[in-house]
Structure formats: C-alpha cells, structure tokens
C-alpha cells in the first residue's frame, strides 16, 4: 500500500488501494493501463466508495463474489443459485417479503415422511385411474428437500428466463452507466468496456432478485407443478416433504387426507403433461415469447439507480423487485399474456376438476383443502408476484373458476374421453372470451370488401313459419325455372309480375301478347 495518499482525495484515499479495488472487484477485467490518467479520487467519491482501505478490500471481495461465475450468459447464475439456496434455507429473504416461516432451515425428508407420501401417492393413483381417459403416471413419487427442488427445477428456470434476463441486464446496465455519467460536470470515464461491464452488473442484480424469488418458492410449493408448469425433469411427480407438513400444520388439515389430496394433484399434472407433450412446450414457448417482448419503464429504472452505492452488495440485494422491474406492455404483449394466463388456468382447472371427481366422498375436508389452494392463488406470494411481472407466470382466480365451469360442462356433454380429447390440439381449447361467456364475432381480414346481403327477419318468426308449413303463400314462392335458376311466383323471375324486369307493374295493354 502506498505511503503517499492522493492529494485532494476524499479523506486521503490510497491510490493503490483504489486500483486494487477496481481490478479485484471486476475480476481482472480492467487492464492496468486503462486506469492511468484517471482521477481515481473523483471516481471513488462519485461512486460512494468507502475511504478506509480495509473497507475497500472488503467491498472488493464482495463485489468479486457478486461477479464471479457470470460466464457467457446474461444472468450471474452462480450468484443466483447461492442466493436461492440461502433463501430456501431461510437464511435470506426476498426484499419486502415477510420473514421466513414454517420449518426452519432445509431439512431432508425423514424415512417416515417418505413412506407416508409414497403411500398417499399409491392411493391417489388408484382413485384417479377410473376418472381419467389418459394413463396415470406410474413413476414413483419423488420426496424432496427444498434444496433438491431447486436443483431439479433450475435448468428449466434458466432457459425460461434467459430472454427477459438478457434484456433486463442490458437495460439496468445502461441506466447505471447513464447515472454514473451524470454524477460530474462531464461524463465520468468508465475503465475497460463500459457497455459490457454495466450489462454484467445488470445481470448480477437480476440474478440476485431472481435467486430470492425461486428460493422463496422452494419454501412455499408442495410439488413441481404448483404453477401449472412442468418444472421437474421428465415430468416425474414429486412433493417437498417439509412444505407439505407446514401446509398441514398451518391450516390444521387432516394429515393423511391432505397428503393424498396433494399427491393426486401432482400426479394428475404429471399425467396431463406426459399424455400431451406439446402442452408443456407450448407453455414455455409462450412464456419466452412474452418475456422477449417486454420493455422496462426506463424513467422508473433511472430513478431507481439514483444514489446507488456500487460498493455495497447488501444494499443492492435489498432493492425490492417492484422498484427495479416496472414494465410497459404493448398490445401484442397484452394478447400474449392473456393467452398464457388462459392456458395456465385451463391446466389448473382441469387438475382441480379431475381430482375432485376422483376424491369426492372419499376424503374428509376435501372442500376445505380446495379452498386453501384457492386462497393461496388469490393472495399470491411476493415471489409469485415477481414471476407474474417478469415472465408472465400467473394463475388468475377468476379465469380458473371460469375454466372449471367449462370443464364441468364438457364432461356433462362429451364424457371423460371427450374432455381429454380437448388437449389433442390447442385449437380445441377455448379462448378467454369463450370462458367468460362473451364470445366475439370473427373480424373480417383487412382488405376484404365482400359482405353478405342484409336479410330481414320477420318480427313474428314463429307465425311466419307456421304459415309456411300450412302452405299459405305458395303461389308467391320462388320456383326452379328448369335451367338451374330460380323464378318467382309469377313465373317471370323478376318479381314484379310483368316480365320486363323494370320493377313496376305495366298496364295490361302494354304487355306483349
């Protein structure tokens, strides 16, 4: 460490300490020659860096940890996974969310819990089989810890959020770079590649927030399909033992009945996605399409980064998602979101429908357990709210109720085979307008000038129909003319009774002999 502090620096800040901080914080990405000639004292003051050398070293170590493992992707998944594991274990929490509740830590399933849940799954399969027209999943139920749930679902999360993560990392980075440039009288020079560095920083911030979100989900979900998405590998059903026990305890449910109920839902989801592989692919494709087109509210983002302390990772992690991620949606995005919400509602409602049919009269507290899940959907957790904002994953209670009524009507009219056949192709599933009972008439394509002639319908349609059936007015009815055309009742085909087609009755003396 240099013995000569920089003149004019804040509190006599050490030049060598500043250089080491910048090089270590960004993992050696800044060439040493890039720092020559820079006013490092002004840079440190504008970036709110600590003045004490020991604090600088600690901040550099924290920053280096934040940027480690960034790799080629848009999200720092190494950091995201670390944050997710700590959140799942109750050691961290989503900013703005209440303190973690339920079973502390991340306990492994006990032998007793595993046996109880797998026995419940066997009963659920037996009761589901008669009410389904598709094969029931035969894989043994997986019994997971929260950390194992994370490990199994992370590959799907990564591929799903990559489009939105890339966009958001760039947007956050640009906002931070712009804010740094406005701190002085002239834009502050950022060493190295400013665009790449700030995008990396944005990816780190998104990774922290997303790690909190999926870590929070790991403490809440019962299985791998609670969001009506096949998040687990190969569609194998699985339940999180600690979360199942927490739900039973917090809601004072009958324990054996609740295990069968939750296992039946997980198995029904797995059966649906296994029988119709296109469904899971279509859902994730819709999420990616929606995420790829979202736009951040840049004014709100600029406001968020004002006063941002780049040297304090804990302060960055404490940013609430609603402060960071404010979106604007175009009409195309709203339509994509509606379609995604409708399909998710149809999946959730189908599972509720078939499990209710399978378990009615067999389980105590069935309606109470269904109501528990409905309330959880209606309230939504902070993690679910973040997912709804960022990637459009949202179960809307009203849409689910409408979809449930639709499945009931399909079963009543077409039976279980007809009900399951609706999943054969996406065109067989209803739109949001159909579910709500407000079907919209098809709109003509642009440039289509053809139109159907207006037809006047008699006011008293029944009376006119009765006259037709009684033979009244037959002399005026159109008849075939023998040449493939129609002639009217007077035999001339023009409707005016005189044969000249002028629309007026001529004087009898004017008619041709």
Protein backbone atom coordinates (compact mmCIF):
# COMPACT_ATOMS: atom_id res chain seq x y z
CA UNK A 1 0.00 0.00 0.00
CA UNK A 2 1.35 3.36 -0.98
CA UNK A 3 2.52 5.68 1.79
CA UNK A 4 1.52 8.73 -0.24
CA UNK A 5 -2.20 9.28 -0.24
CA UNK A 6 -3.70 11.01 -3.23
CA UNK A 7 -3.78 14.74 -2.83
CA UNK A 8 -7.28 16.09 -2.90
CA UNK A 9 -8.75 12.61 -2.39
CA UNK A 10 -11.64 12.07 -0.03
CA UNK A 11 -10.04 11.63 3.34
CA UNK A 12 -6.60 10.99 1.81
CA UNK A 13 -7.69 7.87 -0.08
CA UNK A 14 -4.90 5.47 -1.14
CA UNK A 15 -4.38 5.34 -4.94
CA UNK A 16 -3.03 1.78 -4.92
CA UNK A 17 -5.96 0.60 -2.80
CA UNK A 18 -8.34 2.12 -5.32
CA UNK A 19 -6.60 0.41 -8.23
CA UNK A 20 -6.69 -2.94 -6.44
CA UNK A 21 -10.37 -2.43 -5.65
CA UNK A 22 -11.30 -1.82 -9.28
CA UNK A 23 -9.18 -4.71 -10.58
CA UNK A 24 -10.35 -7.17 -7.94
CA UNK A 25 -13.98 -6.09 -7.99
CA UNK A 26 -14.22 -6.71 -11.72
CA UNK A 27 -12.21 -9.91 -11.71
CA UNK A 28 -9.21 -8.54 -13.59
CA UNK A 29 -11.37 -7.35 -16.47
CA UNK A 30 -9.84 -3.84 -16.32
CA UNK A 31 -6.36 -3.55 -17.90
CA UNK A 32 -3.93 -1.70 -15.65
CA UNK A 33 -3.09 0.80 -18.39
CA UNK A 34 -6.80 1.74 -18.59
CA UNK A 35 -6.53 3.25 -15.11
CA UNK A 36 -3.63 5.52 -15.98
CA UNK A 37 -4.56 9.19 -16.12
CA UNK A 38 -7.94 8.72 -14.39
CA UNK A 39 -8.90 10.82 -11.40
CA UNK A 40 -9.46 7.82 -9.14
CA UNK A 41 -10.24 10.04 -6.18
CA UNK A 42 -13.14 11.68 -8.03
CA UNK A 43 -14.31 8.28 -9.26
CA UNK A 44 -14.35 6.90 -5.72
CA UNK A 45 -16.21 9.90 -4.39
CA UNK A 46 -18.84 9.83 -7.14
CA UNK A 47 -19.37 6.06 -6.76
CA UNK A 48 -19.77 6.34 -2.96
CA UNK A 49 -16.78 4.06 -2.32
CA UNK A 50 -15.57 3.72 1.28
CA UNK A 51 -12.49 5.71 2.22
CA UNK A 52 -10.91 3.26 4.63
CA UNK A 53 -8.53 0.81 2.87
CA UNK A 54 -9.78 -2.15 4.94
CA UNK A 55 -13.35 -1.37 3.97
CA UNK A 56 -12.25 -1.07 0.35
CA UNK A 57 -10.71 -4.55 0.46
CA UNK A 58 -13.88 -5.99 2.00
CA UNK A 59 -16.04 -4.26 -0.63
CA UNK A 60 -13.78 -5.58 -3.40
CA UNK A 61 -14.13 -9.13 -2.10
CA UNK A 62 -17.92 -8.80 -2.01
CA UNK A 63 -18.03 -7.33 -5.50
CA UNK A 64 -15.74 -10.05 -6.84
CA UNK A 65 -18.08 -12.68 -5.35
CA UNK A 66 -21.05 -10.98 -6.99
CA UNK A 67 -19.41 -11.00 -10.41
CA UNK A 68 -17.87 -14.48 -10.17
CA UNK A 69 -19.35 -17.13 -12.39
CA UNK A 70 -21.03 -14.67 -14.76
CA UNK A 71 -19.80 -16.65 -17.77
CA UNK A 72 -21.30 -16.00 -21.19
CA UNK A 73 -24.95 -15.75 -20.12
CA UNK A 74 -26.95 -12.70 -19.16
CA UNK A 75 -27.55 -13.76 -15.55
CA UNK A 76 -24.95 -14.44 -12.89
CA UNK A 77 -26.40 -17.90 -12.22
CA UNK A 78 -23.63 -18.79 -9.75
CA UNK A 79 -24.74 -15.94 -7.53
CA UNK A 80 -28.43 -16.59 -8.26
CA UNK A 81 -28.13 -20.22 -7.14
CA UNK A 82 -26.26 -19.22 -4.00
CA UNK A 83 -28.93 -16.64 -3.11
CA UNK A 84 -31.67 -19.18 -3.92
CA UNK A 85 -30.16 -21.84 -1.63
CA UNK A 86 -29.79 -19.39 1.25
CA UNK A 87 -33.35 -18.13 0.74
CA UNK A 88 -34.71 -21.68 0.60
CA UNK A 89 -32.96 -22.43 3.87
CA UNK A 90 -34.45 -19.33 5.49
CA UNK A 91 -31.11 -17.52 5.71
CA UNK A 92 -32.19 -14.73 3.35
CA UNK A 93 -35.48 -13.41 2.03
CA UNK A 94 -36.98 -11.60 -0.93
CA UNK A 95 -36.75 -7.82 -0.28
CA UNK A 96 -40.05 -6.53 1.04
CA UNK A 97 -41.32 -10.02 1.92
CA UNK A 98 -42.19 -11.13 5.47
CA UNK A 99 -39.69 -13.14 7.46
CA UNK A 100 -39.50 -16.84 6.52
CA UNK A 101 -41.99 -19.05 8.33
CA UNK A 102 -42.54 -22.78 8.57
CA UNK A 103 -39.98 -25.48 9.24
CA UNK A 104 -36.61 -23.80 9.82
CA UNK A 105 -33.71 -24.49 7.50
CA UNK A 106 -33.83 -27.10 4.76
CA UNK A 107 -34.35 -30.47 6.44
CA UNK A 108 -34.00 -33.67 4.45
CA UNK A 109 -37.17 -35.83 4.26
CA UNK A 110 -37.31 -38.41 7.02
CA UNK A 111 -37.95 -42.08 6.29
CA UNK A 112 -41.41 -41.73 7.83
CA UNK A 113 -42.29 -38.73 5.64
CA UNK A 114 -41.11 -40.53 2.51
CA UNK A 115 -43.14 -43.64 3.32
CA UNK A 116 -46.29 -41.62 4.14
CA UNK A 117 -46.16 -39.57 0.94
CA UNK A 118 -45.49 -42.56 -1.29
CA UNK A 119 -48.37 -44.49 0.28
CA UNK A 120 -50.58 -41.47 -0.33
CA UNK A 121 -49.46 -41.41 -3.96
CA UNK A 122 -50.43 -45.08 -4.42
CA UNK A 123 -53.94 -44.37 -3.12
CA UNK A 124 -54.20 -41.28 -5.32
CA UNK A 125 -53.28 -43.29 -8.44
CA UNK A 126 -55.94 -45.90 -7.68
CA UNK A 127 -58.63 -43.26 -7.27
CA UNK A 128 -57.57 -41.18 -10.26
CA UNK A 129 -57.40 -44.02 -12.77
CA UNK A 130 -61.19 -44.58 -13.14
CA UNK A 131 -61.96 -40.90 -13.77
CA UNK A 132 -59.24 -40.29 -16.40
CA UNK A 133 -59.17 -41.28 -20.07
CA UNK A 134 -55.35 -40.93 -20.13
CA UNK A 135 -52.67 -43.03 -18.47
CA UNK A 136 -51.87 -42.22 -14.85
CA UNK A 137 -48.18 -41.59 -14.15
CA UNK A 138 -46.55 -44.77 -12.81
CA UNK A 139 -43.20 -43.28 -11.71
CA UNK A 140 -42.53 -43.50 -8.01
CA UNK A 141 -43.29 -40.24 -6.28
CA UNK A 142 -40.17 -38.22 -5.55
CA UNK A 143 -39.91 -36.90 -1.98
CA UNK A 144 -37.66 -33.84 -1.95
CA UNK A 145 -35.97 -31.32 0.27
CA UNK A 146 -36.20 -27.64 -0.65
CA UNK A 147 -32.65 -27.65 -1.98
CA UNK A 148 -33.36 -30.69 -4.15
CA UNK A 149 -36.44 -28.96 -5.55
CA UNK A 150 -34.18 -26.06 -6.54
CA UNK A 151 -31.61 -28.37 -8.12
CA UNK A 152 -34.26 -30.16 -10.19
CA UNK A 153 -36.10 -27.07 -11.38
CA UNK A 154 -33.19 -24.67 -12.02
CA UNK A 155 -32.44 -25.95 -15.57
CA UNK A 156 -35.99 -25.14 -16.58
CA UNK A 157 -35.89 -21.74 -14.87
CA UNK A 158 -32.65 -20.81 -16.61
CA UNK A 159 -33.95 -21.50 -20.12
CA UNK A 160 -37.28 -19.84 -19.35
CA UNK A 161 -35.99 -16.51 -18.04
CA UNK A 162 -32.98 -16.12 -20.33
CA UNK A 163 -34.78 -13.86 -22.88
CA UNK A 164 -36.06 -11.42 -20.28
CA UNK A 165 -32.83 -11.63 -18.28
CA UNK A 166 -30.71 -10.62 -21.26
CA UNK A 167 -32.91 -7.64 -21.99
CA UNK A 168 -33.12 -6.54 -18.37
CA UNK A 169 -29.38 -6.91 -17.77
CA UNK A 170 -28.70 -4.56 -20.67
CA UNK A 171 -31.37 -2.06 -19.59
CA UNK A 172 -30.18 -1.97 -15.98
CA UNK A 173 -26.58 -1.62 -17.11
CA UNK A 174 -27.40 1.25 -19.45
CA UNK A 175 -29.31 3.06 -16.69
CA UNK A 176 -26.40 2.69 -14.26
CA UNK A 177 -23.88 3.85 -16.85
CA UNK A 178 -26.03 6.88 -17.67
CA UNK A 179 -26.39 7.72 -13.98
CA UNK A 180 -22.64 7.46 -13.42
CA UNK A 181 -22.10 9.76 -16.37
CA UNK A 182 -24.37 12.40 -14.85
CA UNK A 183 -22.61 12.48 -11.49
CA UNK A 184 -19.99 15.00 -12.54
CA UNK A 185 -19.90 18.06 -14.71
CA UNK A 186 -18.76 15.85 -17.57
CA UNK A 187 -19.39 12.11 -18.08
CA UNK A 188 -17.14 10.11 -15.82
CA UNK A 189 -14.79 7.79 -17.77
CA UNK A 190 -15.51 4.15 -17.02
CA UNK A 191 -12.40 1.97 -17.46
CA UNK A 192 -12.47 -1.14 -19.65
CA UNK A 193 -15.52 -1.86 -21.80
CA UNK A 194 -18.29 0.22 -20.15
CA UNK A 195 -21.19 -1.42 -22.02
CA UNK A 196 -20.07 -4.97 -21.22
CA UNK A 197 -19.23 -4.08 -17.63
CA UNK A 198 -22.59 -2.44 -16.93
CA UNK A 199 -24.52 -5.25 -18.62
CA UNK A 200 -22.62 -7.65 -16.40
CA UNK A 201 -23.62 -5.57 -13.41
CA UNK A 202 -27.27 -5.59 -14.53
CA UNK A 203 -27.15 -9.37 -14.91
CA UNK A 204 -25.82 -9.62 -11.39
CA UNK A 205 -28.65 -7.51 -9.98
CA UNK A 206 -31.25 -9.56 -11.85
CA UNK A 207 -29.61 -12.79 -10.65
CA UNK A 208 -29.87 -11.64 -7.04
CA UNK A 209 -33.55 -10.79 -7.37
CA UNK A 210 -34.42 -13.96 -9.26
CA UNK A 211 -32.45 -16.09 -6.81
CA UNK A 212 -34.55 -14.65 -4.00
CA UNK A 213 -37.75 -15.41 -5.94
CA UNK A 214 -37.10 -19.08 -6.72
CA UNK A 215 -35.61 -19.61 -3.26
CA UNK A 216 -38.83 -18.25 -1.77
CA UNK A 217 -40.85 -20.58 -4.00
CA UNK A 218 -38.81 -23.52 -2.71
CA UNK A 219 -40.21 -22.77 0.76
CA UNK A 220 -43.82 -22.47 -0.47
CA UNK A 221 -44.59 -25.03 -3.18
CA UNK A 222 -45.90 -28.51 -2.45
CA UNK A 223 -44.53 -30.08 -5.64
CA UNK A 224 -43.06 -29.37 -9.06
CA UNK A 225 -46.33 -28.37 -10.75
CA UNK A 226 -47.89 -25.85 -8.35
CA UNK A 227 -47.63 -23.12 -11.01
CA UNK A 228 -49.31 -25.43 -13.59
CA UNK A 229 -45.94 -25.77 -15.34
CA UNK A 230 -43.90 -28.99 -15.65
CA UNK A 231 -40.79 -27.71 -13.85
CA UNK A 232 -39.33 -31.09 -12.90
CA UNK A 233 -37.25 -33.34 -15.15
CA UNK A 234 -39.10 -35.87 -17.35
CA UNK A 235 -42.45 -34.95 -15.81
CA UNK A 236 -41.88 -37.19 -12.77
CA UNK A 237 -44.23 -36.27 -9.87
CA UNK A 238 -42.58 -35.08 -6.66
CA UNK A 239 -43.51 -33.40 -3.37
CA UNK A 240 -41.45 -31.27 -0.95
CA UNK A 241 -41.85 -33.04 2.40
CA UNK A 242 -41.20 -30.04 4.71
CA UNK A 243 -43.62 -27.80 2.78
CA UNK A 244 -46.36 -30.43 2.81
CA UNK A 245 -46.06 -30.76 6.59
CA UNK A 246 -46.02 -26.97 7.00
CA UNK A 247 -49.24 -26.65 4.99
CA UNK A 248 -50.95 -29.37 7.02
CA UNK A 249 -49.88 -27.75 10.30
CA UNK A 250 -50.67 -24.14 9.38
CA UNK A 251 -54.15 -24.97 8.02
CA UNK A 252 -54.97 -27.65 10.62
CA UNK A 253 -55.77 -30.23 7.93
CA UNK A 254 -56.32 -33.94 8.29
CA UNK A 255 -52.78 -35.16 7.61
CA UNK A 256 -53.46 -38.45 5.70
CA UNK A 257 -56.20 -36.80 3.62
CA UNK A 258 -54.03 -33.78 2.77
CA UNK A 259 -51.16 -36.00 1.63
CA UNK A 260 -53.48 -37.92 -0.72
CA UNK A 261 -55.01 -34.66 -1.99
CA UNK A 262 -51.64 -33.05 -2.78
CA UNK A 263 -50.26 -36.26 -4.29
CA UNK A 264 -53.36 -36.58 -6.51
CA UNK A 265 -52.86 -33.05 -7.84
CA UNK A 266 -49.19 -33.64 -8.58
CA UNK A 267 -49.90 -36.97 -10.30
CA UNK A 268 -52.77 -35.51 -12.35
CA UNK A 269 -50.49 -32.72 -13.58
CA UNK A 270 -47.80 -35.23 -14.48
CA UNK A 271 -50.33 -37.42 -16.35
CA UNK A 272 -51.61 -34.47 -18.38
CA UNK A 273 -48.16 -33.25 -19.43
CA UNK A 274 -46.99 -36.80 -20.21
CA UNK A 275 -50.06 -37.56 -22.36
CA UNK A 276 -49.75 -34.29 -24.32
CA UNK A 277 -46.08 -33.31 -24.69
CA UNK A 278 -46.96 -30.30 -26.84
CA UNK A 279 -48.63 -28.64 -23.86
CA UNK A 280 -45.53 -28.08 -21.73
CA UNK A 281 -43.54 -26.94 -24.78
CA UNK A 282 -46.30 -24.51 -25.76
CA UNK A 283 -46.46 -23.03 -22.25
CA UNK A 284 -42.72 -22.41 -22.04
CA UNK A 285 -42.66 -21.09 -25.60
CA UNK A 286 -45.45 -18.65 -24.71
CA UNK A 287 -43.52 -17.50 -21.64
CA UNK A 288 -40.41 -16.93 -23.73
CA UNK A 289 -42.38 -15.04 -26.41
CA UNK A 290 -43.94 -12.81 -23.77
CA UNK A 291 -40.65 -12.21 -21.96
CA UNK A 292 -38.79 -11.46 -25.17
CA UNK A 293 -41.06 -8.52 -25.98
CA UNK A 294 -41.43 -6.77 -22.62
CA UNK A 295 -39.99 -3.30 -22.12
CA UNK A 296 -38.83 -1.71 -18.89
CA UNK A 297 -40.05 1.70 -17.80
CA UNK A 298 -36.72 3.46 -18.25
CA UNK A 299 -37.78 6.53 -16.29
CA UNK A 300 -38.57 4.36 -13.26
CA UNK A 301 -35.28 2.49 -13.73
CA UNK A 302 -33.28 5.72 -13.88
CA UNK A 303 -34.96 6.83 -10.67
CA UNK A 304 -34.06 3.53 -9.03
CA UNK A 305 -30.33 3.80 -9.75
CA UNK A 306 -30.02 7.34 -8.39
CA UNK A 307 -27.79 7.22 -5.36
CA UNK A 308 -26.97 3.54 -5.96
CA UNK A 309 -23.94 2.51 -3.93
CA UNK A 310 -21.94 0.27 -6.27
CA UNK A 311 -19.65 -0.82 -3.43
CA UNK A 312 -22.40 -2.20 -1.21
CA UNK A 313 -23.69 -5.59 -2.45
CA UNK A 314 -26.01 -5.92 0.53
CA UNK A 315 -27.70 -2.65 -0.39
CA UNK A 316 -28.12 -3.88 -3.96
CA UNK A 317 -29.67 -7.11 -2.76
CA UNK A 318 -32.09 -5.16 -0.56
CA UNK A 319 -33.68 -3.47 -3.59
CA UNK A 320 -37.31 -4.51 -3.85
CA UNK A 321 -38.35 -6.11 -7.17
CA UNK A 322 -41.20 -3.64 -7.66
CA UNK A 323 -38.64 -0.81 -7.50
CA UNK A 324 -36.42 -2.43 -10.11
CA UNK A 325 -38.82 -4.06 -12.53
CA UNK A 326 -41.51 -1.68 -13.77
CA UNK A 327 -42.76 -2.69 -17.21
CA UNK A 328 -44.67 -1.19 -20.07
CA UNK A 329 -46.63 -3.56 -22.32
CA UNK A 330 -47.61 -3.20 -25.94
CA UNK A 331 -50.89 -4.53 -27.31
CA UNK A 332 -49.12 -7.65 -28.63
CA UNK A 333 -47.73 -8.31 -25.16
CA UNK A 334 -51.15 -7.97 -23.57
CA UNK A 335 -52.57 -10.50 -26.03
CA UNK A 336 -49.70 -12.92 -25.37
CA UNK A 337 -50.24 -12.52 -21.62
CA UNK A 338 -53.97 -13.22 -21.98
CA UNK A 339 -53.32 -16.40 -23.96
CA UNK A 340 -50.72 -17.62 -21.47
CA UNK A 341 -53.00 -16.88 -18.49
CA UNK A 342 -55.86 -18.73 -20.19
CA UNK A 343 -53.84 -21.87 -20.86
CA UNK A 344 -52.44 -21.91 -17.31
CA UNK A 345 -55.99 -21.52 -15.98
CA UNK A 346 -57.22 -24.41 -18.15
CA UNK A 347 -54.46 -26.66 -16.80
CA UNK A 348 -55.12 -25.72 -13.18
CA UNK A 349 -58.89 -26.06 -13.58
CA UNK A 350 -58.60 -29.45 -15.30
CA UNK A 351 -56.48 -30.76 -12.41
CA UNK A 352 -58.94 -29.39 -9.85
CA UNK A 353 -61.82 -30.90 -11.84
CA UNK A 354 -60.42 -34.43 -12.18
CA UNK A 355 -59.03 -34.66 -8.65
CA UNK A 356 -62.36 -33.53 -7.22
CA UNK A 357 -64.17 -36.20 -9.25
CA UNK A 358 -61.68 -38.80 -8.02
CA UNK A 359 -61.72 -37.83 -4.34
CA UNK A 360 -65.35 -36.85 -3.73
CA UNK A 361 -66.89 -38.95 -0.97
CA UNK A 362 -63.52 -40.48 -0.11
CA UNK A 363 -61.59 -37.75 1.69
CA UNK A 364 -62.62 -35.63 4.67
CA UNK A 365 -62.09 -31.88 4.33
CA UNK A 366 -61.90 -32.07 0.51
CA UNK A 367 -63.68 -28.74 0.04
CA UNK A 368 -61.61 -27.15 2.81
CA UNK A 369 -58.40 -28.22 1.06
CA UNK A 370 -59.60 -26.88 -2.28
CA UNK A 371 -60.44 -23.59 -0.59
CA UNK A 372 -56.95 -23.38 0.91
CA UNK A 373 -55.42 -23.56 -2.56
CA UNK A 374 -57.91 -21.05 -3.96
CA UNK A 375 -56.98 -18.56 -1.23
CA UNK A 376 -53.29 -19.04 -1.90
CA UNK A 377 -53.88 -18.35 -5.59
CA UNK A 378 -55.91 -15.25 -4.79
CA UNK A 379 -53.38 -13.69 -2.40
CA UNK A 380 -50.18 -14.67 -4.20
CA UNK A 381 -46.75 -14.56 -2.59
CA UNK A 382 -44.10 -11.89 -3.30
CA UNK A 383 -42.17 -14.49 -5.31
CA UNK A 384 -45.22 -15.27 -7.45
CA UNK A 385 -45.84 -11.56 -7.98
CA UNK A 386 -42.30 -11.11 -9.26
CA UNK A 387 -42.71 -14.05 -11.68
CA UNK A 388 -46.01 -12.60 -12.90
CA UNK A 389 -44.34 -9.25 -13.62
CA UNK A 390 -41.16 -10.54 -15.21
CA UNK A 391 -42.17 -13.65 -17.18
CA UNK A 392 -45.98 -13.64 -17.13
CA UNK A 393 -46.49 -16.77 -14.98
CA UNK A 394 -49.79 -16.01 -13.27
CA UNK A 395 -52.79 -18.07 -12.16
CA UNK A 396 -55.79 -15.75 -12.17
CA UNK A 397 -58.50 -16.92 -9.76
CA UNK A 398 -61.44 -15.70 -11.84
CA UNK A 399 -60.07 -17.29 -15.02
CA UNK A 400 -59.54 -20.56 -13.15
CA UNK A 401 -63.17 -20.52 -11.93
CA UNK A 402 -64.41 -19.92 -15.47
CA UNK A 403 -62.24 -22.73 -16.80
CA UNK A 404 -63.51 -25.11 -14.09
CA UNK A 405 -67.12 -24.43 -15.11
CA UNK A 406 -66.16 -25.09 -18.73
CA UNK A 407 -64.57 -28.46 -17.90
CA UNK A 408 -67.68 -29.43 -15.94
CA UNK A 409 -69.84 -28.67 -18.98
CA UNK A 410 -67.55 -30.64 -21.30
CA UNK A 411 -67.71 -33.68 -19.04
CA UNK A 412 -71.51 -33.45 -18.88
CA UNK A 413 -71.89 -33.31 -22.67
CA UNK A 414 -68.93 -35.28 -24.05
CA UNK A 415 -67.78 -37.57 -21.23
CA UNK A 416 -64.25 -38.08 -19.97
CA UNK A 417 -62.93 -39.19 -23.38
CA UNK A 418 -64.29 -36.02 -24.96
CA UNK A 419 -62.87 -33.96 -22.11
CA UNK A 420 -59.37 -35.38 -22.54
CA UNK A 421 -59.65 -35.03 -26.34
CA UNK A 422 -59.73 -31.24 -25.91
CA UNK A 423 -56.00 -31.43 -25.16
CA UNK A 424 -55.20 -33.03 -28.52
CA UNK A 425 -54.67 -29.66 -30.18
CA UNK A 426 -54.53 -26.06 -28.94
CA UNK A 427 -57.28 -25.05 -31.36
CA UNK A 428 -59.72 -27.27 -29.44
CA UNK A 429 -59.24 -25.27 -26.24
CA UNK A 430 -61.45 -22.26 -25.53
CA UNK A 431 -60.34 -18.64 -25.64
CA UNK A 432 -60.65 -16.21 -22.73
CA UNK A 433 -63.81 -14.78 -24.35
CA UNK A 434 -65.42 -18.22 -24.53
CA UNK A 435 -64.57 -18.98 -20.90
CA UNK A 436 -66.08 -15.69 -19.77
CA UNK A 437 -69.25 -16.27 -21.80
CA UNK A 438 -68.55 -13.32 -24.08
CA UNK A 439 -67.56 -14.86 -27.45
CA UNK A 440 -66.54 -12.29 -30.02
CA UNK A 441 -67.68 -12.39 -33.64
CA UNK A 442 -64.80 -13.01 -36.08
CA UNK A 443 -63.48 -9.84 -37.63
CA UNK A 444 -63.01 -9.64 -41.44
CA UNK A 445 -59.46 -9.60 -42.68
CA UNK A 446 -58.07 -6.26 -43.77
CA UNK A 447 -58.85 -5.56 -47.45
CA UNK A 448 -61.79 -7.94 -47.54
CA UNK A 449 -64.58 -5.87 -49.13
CA UNK A 450 -67.01 -8.73 -49.62
CA UNK A 451 -70.08 -8.58 -47.44
CA UNK A 452 -73.20 -10.65 -47.10
CA UNK A 453 -76.51 -9.06 -48.09
CA UNK A 454 -78.70 -7.98 -45.23
CA UNK A 455 -81.60 -10.31 -44.55
CA UNK A 456 -84.73 -9.04 -42.85
CA UNK A 457 -86.01 -11.50 -40.27
CA UNK A 458 -89.77 -11.34 -39.63
CA UNK A 459 -90.70 -9.90 -36.26
CA UNK A 460 -93.01 -12.84 -35.54
CA UNK A 461 -90.80 -15.64 -36.80
CA UNK A 462 -92.96 -18.43 -35.33
CA UNK A 463 -96.11 -17.13 -37.06
CA UNK A 464 -94.38 -16.91 -40.43
CA UNK A 465 -93.00 -20.42 -40.02
CA UNK A 466 -96.49 -21.71 -39.23
CA UNK A 467 -97.89 -20.06 -42.41
CA UNK A 468 -95.14 -21.69 -44.48
CA UNK A 469 -95.84 -25.12 -43.03
CA UNK A 470 -99.60 -24.66 -43.71
CA UNK A 471 -98.93 -23.93 -47.40
CA UNK A 472 -100.00 -20.30 -47.33
CA UNK A 473 -98.37 -18.08 -49.94
CA UNK A 474 -97.08 -20.96 -52.09
CA UNK A 475 -98.16 -19.13 -55.29
CA UNK A 476 -95.63 -16.40 -54.47
CA UNK A 477 -92.79 -18.73 -53.53
CA UNK A 478 -89.73 -18.91 -55.84
CA UNK A 479 -89.54 -21.98 -58.09
CA UNK A 480 -86.85 -23.57 -60.24
CA UNK A 481 -87.04 -22.39 -63.87
CA UNK A 482 -85.78 -25.66 -65.35
CA UNK A 483 -82.42 -24.16 -66.30
CA UNK A 484 -80.80 -24.30 -62.87
CA UNK A 485 -82.03 -20.85 -61.86
CA UNK A 486 -84.93 -19.54 -59.79
CA UNK A 487 -88.10 -17.81 -60.90
CA UNK A 488 -90.56 -16.06 -58.64
CA UNK A 489 -94.16 -16.95 -58.08
CA UNK A 490 -95.46 -15.05 -61.15
CA UNK A 491 -93.30 -17.11 -63.45
CA UNK A 492 -91.13 -14.37 -64.99
CA UNK A 493 -88.28 -14.36 -62.48
CA UNK A 494 -88.17 -10.60 -61.96
CA UNK A 495 -90.53 -10.27 -59.05
CA UNK A 496 -92.75 -7.53 -60.50
CA UNK A 497 -95.26 -9.74 -62.31
CA UNK A 498 -94.88 -8.21 -65.78
CA UNK A 499 -91.84 -9.94 -67.16
CA UNK A 500 -89.93 -6.82 -68.21
CA UNK A 501 -87.82 -6.60 -65.11
CA UNK A 502 -88.37 -2.87 -64.58
CA UNK A 503 -89.70 -3.34 -61.10
CA UNK A 504 -93.11 -1.79 -61.89
CA UNK A 505 -96.43 -3.34 -62.95
CA UNK A 506 -97.27 -2.28 -66.53
CA UNK A 507 -100.79 -1.58 -67.77
CA UNK A 508 -102.29 -4.79 -69.11
CA UNK A 509 -102.46 -3.21 -72.55
CA UNK A 510 -98.70 -2.66 -72.55
CA UNK A 511 -97.83 -6.30 -72.01
CA UNK A 512 -96.70 -8.35 -75.02
CA UNK A 513 -99.31 -10.69 -76.49
